[in-house]
Amino acid sequence: PIFSATLAQGYNQALANDPTFKKAKATYLSAKEELPIAQATLLPSISLSAAYNRNYERVYGLNAGLEGELYWNSHNYGLTIGQSIINFASFATIKGASFDTQAAHDTYLAAAQQLIQRTASAYFSVLNASDTLRYTISQKSAVYQQLKTAQQKYKVGLIAITGVYDAQASYDAQIAQEILDKNALDNSIEN
């Protein structure tokens, strides 16, 4: 099997699926919102209130004609506008949020660079594993030819059986190496 994806395809896949990069991006987006929240403490505050009361009072007078019940309504409205002229705590919070946002941005950029580095490293690891497998397959083919030659020489009596056994052992070792290289390639592709 030959690896056919391009480095750009691998990077786009890593960009969409890498948890380390996604965490750095989410942290940056979250920190980016801290600055407007901190700046909001410098904005004017407006408070509006309203109240409605229905009142009842029973009146008893000294004269019989002055007794009765009184009902009246009262309405209260309020509007409060406040503006801090100097609020050192807010300025300190804004400065801290600005630093936090810059730090998260820098961390995000570093994570992006690390993602590029990890992707390129993994890609070139796959290419290396693929080349190693191709080499092993060609070596196995050459050793197989040596095995066939040794078997033919043994049949005509030119070499002892140990030469055939040595050639067979070399061929078996190449088969084992091919299996190892296929697994290494599969692991590299998975990474």
N, C-alpha and C. Protein backbone atom coordinates (compact mmCIF):
# COMPACT_ATOMS: atom_id res chain seq x y z
N PRO A 1 0.83 -1.19 0.00
CA PRO A 1 0.00 0.00 0.00
C PRO A 1 0.87 1.25 0.00
N ILE A 2 0.51 2.17 -0.83
CA ILE A 2 1.25 3.42 -0.94
C ILE A 2 0.38 4.55 -0.43
N PHE A 3 0.95 5.41 0.37
CA PHE A 3 0.24 6.56 0.94
C PHE A 3 0.10 7.63 -0.13
N SER A 4 -1.14 8.09 -0.40
CA SER A 4 -1.33 9.00 -1.51
C SER A 4 -1.87 10.37 -1.11
N ALA A 5 -2.14 10.61 0.15
CA ALA A 5 -2.65 11.92 0.57
C ALA A 5 -1.53 12.95 0.49
N THR A 6 -1.90 14.19 0.25
CA THR A 6 -0.91 15.25 0.21
C THR A 6 -0.73 15.83 1.60
N LEU A 7 0.32 16.59 1.76
CA LEU A 7 0.58 17.24 3.04
C LEU A 7 -0.54 18.21 3.38
N ALA A 8 -1.06 18.92 2.38
CA ALA A 8 -2.16 19.88 2.61
C ALA A 8 -3.41 19.15 3.08
N GLN A 9 -3.70 17.99 2.50
CA GLN A 9 -4.86 17.22 2.95
C GLN A 9 -4.69 16.76 4.40
N GLY A 10 -3.50 16.32 4.71
CA GLY A 10 -3.22 15.90 6.09
C GLY A 10 -3.35 17.05 7.06
N TYR A 11 -2.86 18.23 6.65
CA TYR A 11 -2.96 19.40 7.53
C TYR A 11 -4.41 19.81 7.73
N ASN A 12 -5.20 19.80 6.67
CA ASN A 12 -6.62 20.17 6.80
C ASN A 12 -7.36 19.19 7.70
N GLN A 13 -7.02 17.93 7.59
CA GLN A 13 -7.63 16.93 8.47
C GLN A 13 -7.21 17.15 9.93
N ALA A 14 -5.94 17.44 10.13
CA ALA A 14 -5.45 17.71 11.49
C ALA A 14 -6.07 18.98 12.05
N LEU A 15 -6.24 19.99 11.21
CA LEU A 15 -6.84 21.25 11.62
C LEU A 15 -8.26 21.04 12.13
N ALA A 16 -8.98 20.14 11.48
CA ALA A 16 -10.37 19.89 11.87
C ALA A 16 -10.50 18.94 13.06
N ASN A 17 -9.48 18.12 13.33
CA ASN A 17 -9.64 17.06 14.33
C ASN A 17 -8.67 17.08 15.49
N ASP A 18 -7.66 17.94 15.48
CA ASP A 18 -6.65 17.91 16.53
C ASP A 18 -7.20 18.51 17.83
N PRO A 19 -7.25 17.74 18.91
CA PRO A 19 -7.83 18.26 20.16
C PRO A 19 -6.98 19.35 20.81
N THR A 20 -5.68 19.28 20.68
CA THR A 20 -4.80 20.30 21.28
C THR A 20 -5.04 21.65 20.61
N PHE A 21 -5.14 21.64 19.29
CA PHE A 21 -5.38 22.88 18.56
C PHE A 21 -6.79 23.41 18.85
N LYS A 22 -7.76 22.53 18.90
CA LYS A 22 -9.14 22.96 19.20
C LYS A 22 -9.23 23.59 20.59
N LYS A 23 -8.51 23.03 21.55
CA LYS A 23 -8.52 23.59 22.90
C LYS A 23 -7.91 24.99 22.90
N ALA A 24 -6.78 25.16 22.20
CA ALA A 24 -6.13 26.47 22.14
C ALA A 24 -7.04 27.49 21.46
N LYS A 25 -7.74 27.07 20.43
CA LYS A 25 -8.65 27.98 19.72
C LYS A 25 -9.82 28.38 20.62
N ALA A 26 -10.39 27.41 21.32
CA ALA A 26 -11.51 27.71 22.22
C ALA A 26 -11.07 28.63 23.36
N THR A 27 -9.88 28.39 23.88
CA THR A 27 -9.36 29.25 24.95
C THR A 27 -9.16 30.67 24.45
N TYR A 28 -8.64 30.80 23.24
CA TYR A 28 -8.44 32.14 22.65
C TYR A 28 -9.77 32.84 22.44
N LEU A 29 -10.75 32.14 21.88
CA LEU A 29 -12.05 32.77 21.64
C LEU A 29 -12.73 33.19 22.95
N SER A 30 -12.54 32.38 23.97
CA SER A 30 -13.10 32.72 25.28
C SER A 30 -12.40 33.93 25.88
N ALA A 31 -11.08 33.95 25.81
CA ALA A 31 -10.31 35.08 26.37
C ALA A 31 -10.57 36.36 25.60
N LYS A 32 -10.84 36.23 24.31
CA LYS A 32 -11.11 37.40 23.48
C LYS A 32 -12.37 38.13 23.94
N GLU A 33 -13.29 37.41 24.55
CA GLU A 33 -14.53 38.01 25.04
C GLU A 33 -14.36 38.70 26.39
N GLU A 34 -13.26 38.44 27.08
CA GLU A 34 -13.04 39.07 28.38
C GLU A 34 -12.84 40.57 28.27
N LEU A 35 -12.20 41.03 27.20
CA LEU A 35 -11.91 42.45 27.04
C LEU A 35 -13.19 43.28 26.91
N PRO A 36 -14.14 42.94 26.02
CA PRO A 36 -15.37 43.73 25.97
C PRO A 36 -16.17 43.68 27.28
N ILE A 37 -16.11 42.55 27.96
CA ILE A 37 -16.81 42.45 29.25
C ILE A 37 -16.17 43.40 30.26
N ALA A 38 -14.84 43.43 30.28
CA ALA A 38 -14.15 44.34 31.20
C ALA A 38 -14.40 45.80 30.82
N GLN A 39 -14.44 46.11 29.55
CA GLN A 39 -14.69 47.49 29.11
C GLN A 39 -16.11 47.94 29.43
N ALA A 40 -17.02 47.00 29.56
CA ALA A 40 -18.41 47.35 29.86
C ALA A 40 -18.55 48.01 31.23
N THR A 41 -17.59 47.79 32.13
CA THR A 41 -17.70 48.41 33.45
C THR A 41 -17.50 49.92 33.38
N LEU A 42 -16.98 50.43 32.27
CA LEU A 42 -16.81 51.88 32.11
C LEU A 42 -18.03 52.55 31.49
N LEU A 43 -18.95 51.77 30.98
CA LEU A 43 -20.14 52.33 30.36
C LEU A 43 -21.12 52.83 31.42
N PRO A 44 -21.97 53.79 31.05
CA PRO A 44 -22.97 54.26 32.02
C PRO A 44 -23.95 53.13 32.37
N SER A 45 -24.46 53.22 33.58
CA SER A 45 -25.47 52.25 34.00
C SER A 45 -26.80 52.97 34.13
N ILE A 46 -27.85 52.34 33.68
CA ILE A 46 -29.19 52.91 33.72
C ILE A 46 -30.08 51.94 34.47
N SER A 47 -30.85 52.49 35.40
CA SER A 47 -31.77 51.68 36.17
C SER A 47 -33.14 52.35 36.13
N LEU A 48 -34.16 51.60 35.81
CA LEU A 48 -35.52 52.12 35.73
C LEU A 48 -36.37 51.31 36.69
N SER A 49 -37.20 52.02 37.48
CA SER A 49 -38.07 51.32 38.41
C SER A 49 -39.46 51.95 38.37
N ALA A 50 -40.45 51.13 38.67
CA ALA A 50 -41.84 51.60 38.71
C ALA A 50 -42.56 50.82 39.79
N ALA A 51 -43.48 51.49 40.45
CA ALA A 51 -44.26 50.84 41.50
C ALA A 51 -45.68 51.38 41.48
N TYR A 52 -46.62 50.53 41.80
CA TYR A 52 -48.03 50.91 41.89
C TYR A 52 -48.55 50.36 43.20
N ASN A 53 -49.19 51.21 44.00
CA ASN A 53 -49.74 50.79 45.29
C ASN A 53 -51.20 51.22 45.38
N ARG A 54 -52.02 50.33 45.91
CA ARG A 54 -53.42 50.65 46.20
C ARG A 54 -53.52 50.65 47.71
N ASN A 55 -53.96 51.77 48.24
CA ASN A 55 -54.01 51.95 49.70
C ASN A 55 -55.45 51.99 50.18
N TYR A 56 -55.63 51.51 51.39
CA TYR A 56 -56.95 51.50 52.03
C TYR A 56 -56.79 51.96 53.46
N GLU A 57 -57.74 52.80 53.88
CA GLU A 57 -57.72 53.25 55.27
C GLU A 57 -59.16 53.45 55.73
N ARG A 58 -59.44 52.96 56.92
CA ARG A 58 -60.77 53.15 57.51
C ARG A 58 -60.65 54.30 58.51
N VAL A 59 -61.51 55.26 58.35
CA VAL A 59 -61.45 56.46 59.18
C VAL A 59 -62.62 56.44 60.18
N TYR A 60 -62.25 56.68 61.43
CA TYR A 60 -63.26 56.79 62.49
C TYR A 60 -63.17 58.20 63.06
N GLY A 61 -64.22 58.86 63.07
CA GLY A 61 -64.21 60.22 63.59
C GLY A 61 -65.00 60.33 64.89
N LEU A 62 -64.88 61.48 65.52
CA LEU A 62 -65.61 61.72 66.75
C LEU A 62 -67.10 61.92 66.45
N ASN A 63 -67.42 62.48 65.38
CA ASN A 63 -68.81 62.68 64.99
C ASN A 63 -69.24 61.53 64.10
N ALA A 64 -70.44 61.17 64.22
CA ALA A 64 -70.95 60.03 63.47
C ALA A 64 -70.85 60.26 61.96
N GLY A 65 -70.86 61.46 61.50
CA GLY A 65 -70.83 61.74 60.07
C GLY A 65 -69.44 61.66 59.45
N LEU A 66 -68.42 61.50 60.25
CA LEU A 66 -67.06 61.52 59.72
C LEU A 66 -66.47 60.14 59.50
N GLU A 67 -67.23 59.13 59.74
CA GLU A 67 -66.70 57.78 59.54
C GLU A 67 -66.76 57.41 58.06
N GLY A 68 -65.80 56.53 57.68
CA GLY A 68 -65.83 56.09 56.29
C GLY A 68 -64.56 55.34 55.89
N GLU A 69 -64.51 55.00 54.64
CA GLU A 69 -63.37 54.30 54.09
C GLU A 69 -62.73 55.15 53.01
N LEU A 70 -61.44 55.12 53.00
CA LEU A 70 -60.70 55.88 51.99
C LEU A 70 -59.86 54.92 51.16
N TYR A 71 -59.90 55.10 49.87
CA TYR A 71 -59.07 54.34 48.95
C TYR A 71 -58.29 55.34 48.11
N TRP A 72 -57.04 55.06 47.90
CA TRP A 72 -56.27 55.89 46.98
C TRP A 72 -55.12 55.08 46.38
N ASN A 73 -54.72 55.49 45.23
CA ASN A 73 -53.64 54.83 44.50
C ASN A 73 -52.41 55.72 44.51
N SER A 74 -51.27 55.06 44.53
CA SER A 74 -50.04 55.84 44.42
C SER A 74 -49.14 55.19 43.37
N HIS A 75 -48.47 56.02 42.62
CA HIS A 75 -47.56 55.56 41.58
C HIS A 75 -46.19 56.17 41.86
N ASN A 76 -45.18 55.32 41.74
CA ASN A 76 -43.81 55.78 41.92
C ASN A 76 -42.99 55.34 40.71
N TYR A 77 -42.23 56.26 40.16
CA TYR A 77 -41.36 55.97 39.03
C TYR A 77 -39.97 56.47 39.37
N GLY A 78 -39.00 55.73 38.91
CA GLY A 78 -37.63 56.16 39.17
C GLY A 78 -36.72 55.83 37.99
N LEU A 79 -35.81 56.72 37.72
CA LEU A 79 -34.81 56.52 36.69
C LEU A 79 -33.49 56.96 37.28
N THR A 80 -32.52 56.02 37.26
CA THR A 80 -31.21 56.33 37.80
C THR A 80 -30.18 56.10 36.70
N ILE A 81 -29.36 57.09 36.46
CA ILE A 81 -28.27 56.97 35.49
C ILE A 81 -26.98 57.25 36.24
N GLY A 82 -26.03 56.32 36.09
CA GLY A 82 -24.76 56.48 36.78
C GLY A 82 -23.60 56.31 35.81
N GLN A 83 -22.57 57.09 36.03
CA GLN A 83 -21.37 57.00 35.19
C GLN A 83 -20.16 57.19 36.08
N SER A 84 -19.27 56.19 36.04
CA SER A 84 -18.03 56.32 36.80
C SER A 84 -17.11 57.27 36.05
N ILE A 85 -16.56 58.20 36.77
CA ILE A 85 -15.60 59.13 36.15
C ILE A 85 -14.21 58.49 36.19
N ILE A 86 -13.82 58.05 37.36
CA ILE A 86 -12.54 57.35 37.50
C ILE A 86 -12.80 56.11 38.34
N ASN A 87 -12.49 54.95 37.72
CA ASN A 87 -12.67 53.70 38.42
C ASN A 87 -11.40 52.88 38.19
N PHE A 88 -10.48 52.97 39.13
CA PHE A 88 -9.19 52.33 38.98
C PHE A 88 -9.32 50.80 38.89
N ALA A 89 -10.29 50.25 39.58
CA ALA A 89 -10.49 48.80 39.52
C ALA A 89 -10.88 48.37 38.10
N SER A 90 -11.73 49.16 37.46
CA SER A 90 -12.12 48.84 36.08
C SER A 90 -10.94 48.96 35.13
N PHE A 91 -10.11 49.98 35.33
CA PHE A 91 -8.94 50.13 34.47
C PHE A 91 -7.98 48.95 34.64
N ALA A 92 -7.81 48.51 35.87
CA ALA A 92 -6.94 47.36 36.13
C ALA A 92 -7.53 46.09 35.52
N THR A 93 -8.86 45.93 35.60
CA THR A 93 -9.51 44.76 35.01
C THR A 93 -9.36 44.76 33.49
N ILE A 94 -9.50 45.94 32.88
CA ILE A 94 -9.34 46.04 31.42
C ILE A 94 -7.91 45.71 31.02
N LYS A 95 -6.95 46.22 31.78
CA LYS A 95 -5.55 45.94 31.46
C LYS A 95 -5.26 44.45 31.59
N GLY A 96 -5.76 43.83 32.65
CA GLY A 96 -5.58 42.39 32.84
C GLY A 96 -6.24 41.58 31.74
N ALA A 97 -7.45 41.98 31.34
CA ALA A 97 -8.14 41.28 30.26
C ALA A 97 -7.39 41.43 28.94
N SER A 98 -6.80 42.60 28.73
CA SER A 98 -6.02 42.82 27.51
C SER A 98 -4.79 41.89 27.49
N PHE A 99 -4.12 41.77 28.62
CA PHE A 99 -2.97 40.86 28.70
C PHE A 99 -3.40 39.40 28.51
N ASP A 100 -4.52 39.04 29.14
CA ASP A 100 -5.02 37.67 29.01
C ASP A 100 -5.37 37.36 27.55
N THR A 101 -5.99 38.32 26.87
CA THR A 101 -6.35 38.13 25.47
C THR A 101 -5.10 37.97 24.61
N GLN A 102 -4.09 38.78 24.85
CA GLN A 102 -2.85 38.69 24.08
C GLN A 102 -2.14 37.36 24.35
N ALA A 103 -2.13 36.94 25.60
CA ALA A 103 -1.50 35.66 25.95
C ALA A 103 -2.23 34.50 25.29
N ALA A 104 -3.56 34.53 25.29
CA ALA A 104 -4.34 33.46 24.65
C ALA A 104 -4.11 33.47 23.14
N HIS A 105 -3.98 34.66 22.56
CA HIS A 105 -3.70 34.76 21.12
C HIS A 105 -2.34 34.16 20.80
N ASP A 106 -1.35 34.49 21.62
CA ASP A 106 -0.01 33.94 21.40
C ASP A 106 0.00 32.42 21.55
N THR A 107 -0.72 31.91 22.54
CA THR A 107 -0.83 30.47 22.75
C THR A 107 -1.51 29.81 21.55
N TYR A 108 -2.53 30.47 21.02
CA TYR A 108 -3.23 29.96 19.84
C TYR A 108 -2.29 29.89 18.64
N LEU A 109 -1.50 30.94 18.43
CA LEU A 109 -0.55 30.93 17.31
C LEU A 109 0.51 29.86 17.50
N ALA A 110 0.98 29.68 18.73
CA ALA A 110 1.96 28.62 19.00
C ALA A 110 1.36 27.24 18.75
N ALA A 111 0.09 27.06 19.13
CA ALA A 111 -0.57 25.78 18.88
C ALA A 111 -0.72 25.54 17.38
N ALA A 112 -0.99 26.60 16.61
CA ALA A 112 -1.09 26.45 15.16
C ALA A 112 0.25 26.05 14.56
N GLN A 113 1.33 26.65 15.05
CA GLN A 113 2.66 26.29 14.56
C GLN A 113 3.02 24.86 14.95
N GLN A 114 2.68 24.47 16.17
CA GLN A 114 2.95 23.10 16.60
C GLN A 114 2.15 22.09 15.78
N LEU A 115 0.92 22.48 15.42
CA LEU A 115 0.10 21.60 14.59
C LEU A 115 0.75 21.40 13.22
N ILE A 116 1.26 22.48 12.64
CA ILE A 116 1.95 22.38 11.36
C ILE A 116 3.16 21.46 11.50
N GLN A 117 3.92 21.64 12.57
CA GLN A 117 5.12 20.83 12.78
C GLN A 117 4.76 19.35 12.98
N ARG A 118 3.75 19.09 13.81
CA ARG A 118 3.35 17.69 14.05
C ARG A 118 2.80 17.04 12.78
N THR A 119 2.04 17.82 12.01
CA THR A 119 1.47 17.28 10.77
C THR A 119 2.57 16.95 9.77
N ALA A 120 3.50 17.88 9.60
CA ALA A 120 4.60 17.64 8.66
C ALA A 120 5.44 16.45 9.11
N SER A 121 5.72 16.38 10.40
CA SER A 121 6.51 15.27 10.92
C SER A 121 5.80 13.94 10.69
N ALA A 122 4.50 13.90 10.96
CA ALA A 122 3.73 12.66 10.74
C ALA A 122 3.68 12.31 9.26
N TYR A 123 3.52 13.32 8.41
CA TYR A 123 3.46 13.08 6.97
C TYR A 123 4.77 12.49 6.46
N PHE A 124 5.89 13.10 6.87
CA PHE A 124 7.18 12.59 6.41
C PHE A 124 7.50 11.23 7.03
N SER A 125 6.96 10.97 8.19
CA SER A 125 7.11 9.64 8.80
C SER A 125 6.40 8.59 7.95
N VAL A 126 5.22 8.95 7.43
CA VAL A 126 4.49 8.04 6.55
C VAL A 126 5.27 7.79 5.26
N LEU A 127 5.80 8.88 4.70
CA LEU A 127 6.59 8.71 3.47
C LEU A 127 7.81 7.82 3.72
N ASN A 128 8.47 8.02 4.86
CA ASN A 128 9.64 7.20 5.20
C ASN A 128 9.23 5.74 5.37
N ALA A 129 8.12 5.49 6.07
CA ALA A 129 7.66 4.11 6.27
C ALA A 129 7.28 3.47 4.94
N SER A 130 6.69 4.25 4.06
CA SER A 130 6.31 3.74 2.73
C SER A 130 7.56 3.37 1.93
N ASP A 131 8.57 4.24 1.96
CA ASP A 131 9.82 3.93 1.25
C ASP A 131 10.51 2.70 1.84
N THR A 132 10.49 2.60 3.14
CA THR A 132 11.10 1.44 3.81
C THR A 132 10.39 0.15 3.38
N LEU A 133 9.07 0.19 3.32
CA LEU A 133 8.31 -0.99 2.89
C LEU A 133 8.64 -1.35 1.44
N ARG A 134 8.72 -0.35 0.57
CA ARG A 134 9.07 -0.62 -0.83
C ARG A 134 10.46 -1.28 -0.93
N TYR A 135 11.38 -0.77 -0.14
CA TYR A 135 12.74 -1.33 -0.14
C TYR A 135 12.70 -2.78 0.34
N THR A 136 11.96 -3.04 1.40
CA THR A 136 11.87 -4.39 1.95
C THR A 136 11.24 -5.35 0.93
N ILE A 137 10.22 -4.87 0.22
CA ILE A 137 9.58 -5.72 -0.79
C ILE A 137 10.57 -6.06 -1.91
N SER A 138 11.36 -5.08 -2.35
CA SER A 138 12.35 -5.36 -3.40
C SER A 138 13.45 -6.27 -2.87
N GLN A 139 13.83 -6.10 -1.61
CA GLN A 139 14.83 -6.99 -1.00
C GLN A 139 14.30 -8.42 -0.93
N LYS A 140 13.02 -8.53 -0.56
CA LYS A 140 12.40 -9.86 -0.47
C LYS A 140 12.41 -10.54 -1.84
N SER A 141 12.14 -9.76 -2.88
CA SER A 141 12.16 -10.30 -4.24
C SER A 141 13.57 -10.80 -4.60
N ALA A 142 14.58 -10.02 -4.25
CA ALA A 142 15.97 -10.42 -4.55
C ALA A 142 16.36 -11.67 -3.77
N VAL A 143 15.98 -11.73 -2.51
CA VAL A 143 16.30 -12.89 -1.67
C VAL A 143 15.55 -14.12 -2.18
N TYR A 144 14.33 -13.92 -2.68
CA TYR A 144 13.57 -15.04 -3.24
C TYR A 144 14.30 -15.62 -4.46
N GLN A 145 14.83 -14.72 -5.26
CA GLN A 145 15.60 -15.19 -6.43
C GLN A 145 16.84 -15.98 -5.98
N GLN A 146 17.49 -15.51 -4.90
CA GLN A 146 18.65 -16.24 -4.37
C GLN A 146 18.22 -17.62 -3.85
N LEU A 147 17.04 -17.69 -3.23
CA LEU A 147 16.52 -18.97 -2.74
C LEU A 147 16.28 -19.92 -3.92
N LYS A 148 15.66 -19.44 -4.96
CA LYS A 148 15.40 -20.29 -6.14
C LYS A 148 16.72 -20.77 -6.77
N THR A 149 17.69 -19.86 -6.83
CA THR A 149 19.00 -20.23 -7.38
C THR A 149 19.66 -21.30 -6.50
N ALA A 150 19.59 -21.12 -5.19
CA ALA A 150 20.19 -22.10 -4.26
C ALA A 150 19.52 -23.45 -4.40
N GLN A 151 18.19 -23.46 -4.56
CA GLN A 151 17.47 -24.72 -4.73
C GLN A 151 17.90 -25.42 -6.03
N GLN A 152 18.06 -24.63 -7.09
CA GLN A 152 18.49 -25.22 -8.37
C GLN A 152 19.92 -25.76 -8.26
N LYS A 153 20.80 -25.03 -7.59
CA LYS A 153 22.19 -25.49 -7.42
C LYS A 153 22.23 -26.78 -6.58
N TYR A 154 21.36 -26.86 -5.58
CA TYR A 154 21.31 -28.06 -4.75
C TYR A 154 20.84 -29.27 -5.57
N LYS A 155 19.85 -29.04 -6.44
CA LYS A 155 19.32 -30.14 -7.25
C LYS A 155 20.39 -30.73 -8.18
N VAL A 156 21.27 -29.86 -8.68
CA VAL A 156 22.31 -30.37 -9.58
C VAL A 156 23.58 -30.74 -8.83
N GLY A 157 23.60 -30.53 -7.52
CA GLY A 157 24.71 -30.97 -6.71
C GLY A 157 25.85 -29.98 -6.58
N LEU A 158 25.62 -28.72 -6.86
CA LEU A 158 26.70 -27.72 -6.75
C LEU A 158 26.90 -27.22 -5.32
N ILE A 159 25.85 -27.24 -4.49
CA ILE A 159 25.98 -26.77 -3.11
C ILE A 159 25.34 -27.78 -2.17
N ALA A 160 25.68 -27.63 -0.88
CA ALA A 160 25.09 -28.51 0.13
C ALA A 160 23.72 -27.98 0.53
N ILE A 161 22.95 -28.80 1.23
CA ILE A 161 21.60 -28.42 1.68
C ILE A 161 21.62 -27.22 2.62
N THR A 162 22.74 -27.02 3.32
CA THR A 162 22.83 -25.88 4.24
C THR A 162 22.73 -24.55 3.49
N GLY A 163 23.20 -24.50 2.26
CA GLY A 163 23.06 -23.29 1.46
C GLY A 163 21.60 -22.98 1.17
N VAL A 164 20.80 -24.02 0.93
CA VAL A 164 19.36 -23.84 0.70
C VAL A 164 18.69 -23.37 1.99
N TYR A 165 19.10 -23.97 3.12
CA TYR A 165 18.52 -23.57 4.40
C TYR A 165 18.86 -22.11 4.74
N ASP A 166 20.08 -21.72 4.45
CA ASP A 166 20.47 -20.31 4.68
C ASP A 166 19.65 -19.37 3.81
N ALA A 167 19.46 -19.72 2.55
CA ALA A 167 18.68 -18.88 1.64
C ALA A 167 17.22 -18.83 2.10
N GLN A 168 16.69 -19.98 2.57
CA GLN A 168 15.30 -20.01 3.06
C GLN A 168 15.17 -19.16 4.32
N ALA A 169 16.15 -19.19 5.22
CA ALA A 169 16.12 -18.37 6.44
C ALA A 169 16.16 -16.89 6.09
N SER A 170 16.97 -16.54 5.11
CA SER A 170 17.03 -15.13 4.69
C SER A 170 15.70 -14.68 4.10
N TYR A 171 15.10 -15.55 3.31
CA TYR A 171 13.80 -15.22 2.72
C TYR A 171 12.73 -15.08 3.80
N ASP A 172 12.71 -15.99 4.77
CA ASP A 172 11.75 -15.91 5.88
C ASP A 172 11.95 -14.62 6.69
N ALA A 173 13.22 -14.23 6.88
CA ALA A 173 13.51 -12.99 7.61
C ALA A 173 12.98 -11.78 6.84
N GLN A 174 13.08 -11.83 5.51
CA GLN A 174 12.55 -10.72 4.71
C GLN A 174 11.02 -10.66 4.78
N ILE A 175 10.37 -11.81 4.83
CA ILE A 175 8.91 -11.84 4.99
C ILE A 175 8.52 -11.22 6.34
N ALA A 176 9.25 -11.59 7.40
CA ALA A 176 8.97 -11.03 8.73
C ALA A 176 9.22 -9.52 8.73
N GLN A 177 10.28 -9.09 8.06
CA GLN A 177 10.57 -7.65 7.99
C GLN A 177 9.48 -6.91 7.21
N GLU A 178 8.96 -7.54 6.17
CA GLU A 178 7.87 -6.92 5.40
C GLU A 178 6.63 -6.73 6.27
N ILE A 179 6.33 -7.72 7.08
CA ILE A 179 5.17 -7.60 7.99
C ILE A 179 5.39 -6.45 8.98
N LEU A 180 6.60 -6.38 9.54
CA LEU A 180 6.92 -5.28 10.46
C LEU A 180 6.80 -3.92 9.78
N ASP A 181 7.30 -3.84 8.54
CA ASP A 181 7.25 -2.56 7.81
C ASP A 181 5.82 -2.19 7.44
N LYS A 182 4.98 -3.16 7.11
CA LYS A 182 3.56 -2.88 6.83
C LYS A 182 2.88 -2.33 8.08
N ASN A 183 3.15 -2.95 9.22
CA ASN A 183 2.58 -2.47 10.48
C ASN A 183 3.07 -1.06 10.82
N ALA A 184 4.36 -0.81 10.58
CA ALA A 184 4.91 0.53 10.83
C ALA A 184 4.24 1.56 9.93
N LEU A 185 4.00 1.20 8.67
CA LEU A 185 3.33 2.11 7.75
C LEU A 185 1.89 2.36 8.20
N ASP A 186 1.18 1.30 8.58
CA ASP A 186 -0.19 1.46 9.07
C ASP A 186 -0.24 2.38 10.29
N ASN A 187 0.71 2.18 11.22
CA ASN A 187 0.76 3.02 12.41
C ASN A 187 1.06 4.47 12.06
N SER A 188 1.97 4.67 11.11
CA SER A 188 2.30 6.04 10.70
C SER A 188 1.11 6.72 10.04
N ILE A 189 0.39 5.98 9.21
CA ILE A 189 -0.81 6.55 8.57
C ILE A 189 -1.85 6.89 9.62
N GLU A 190 -2.02 6.02 10.59
CA GLU A 190 -3.01 6.28 11.66
C GLU A 190 -2.63 7.52 12.47
N ASN A 191 -1.33 7.66 12.74
CA ASN A 191 -0.87 8.85 13.47
C ASN A 191 -1.14 10.10 12.66
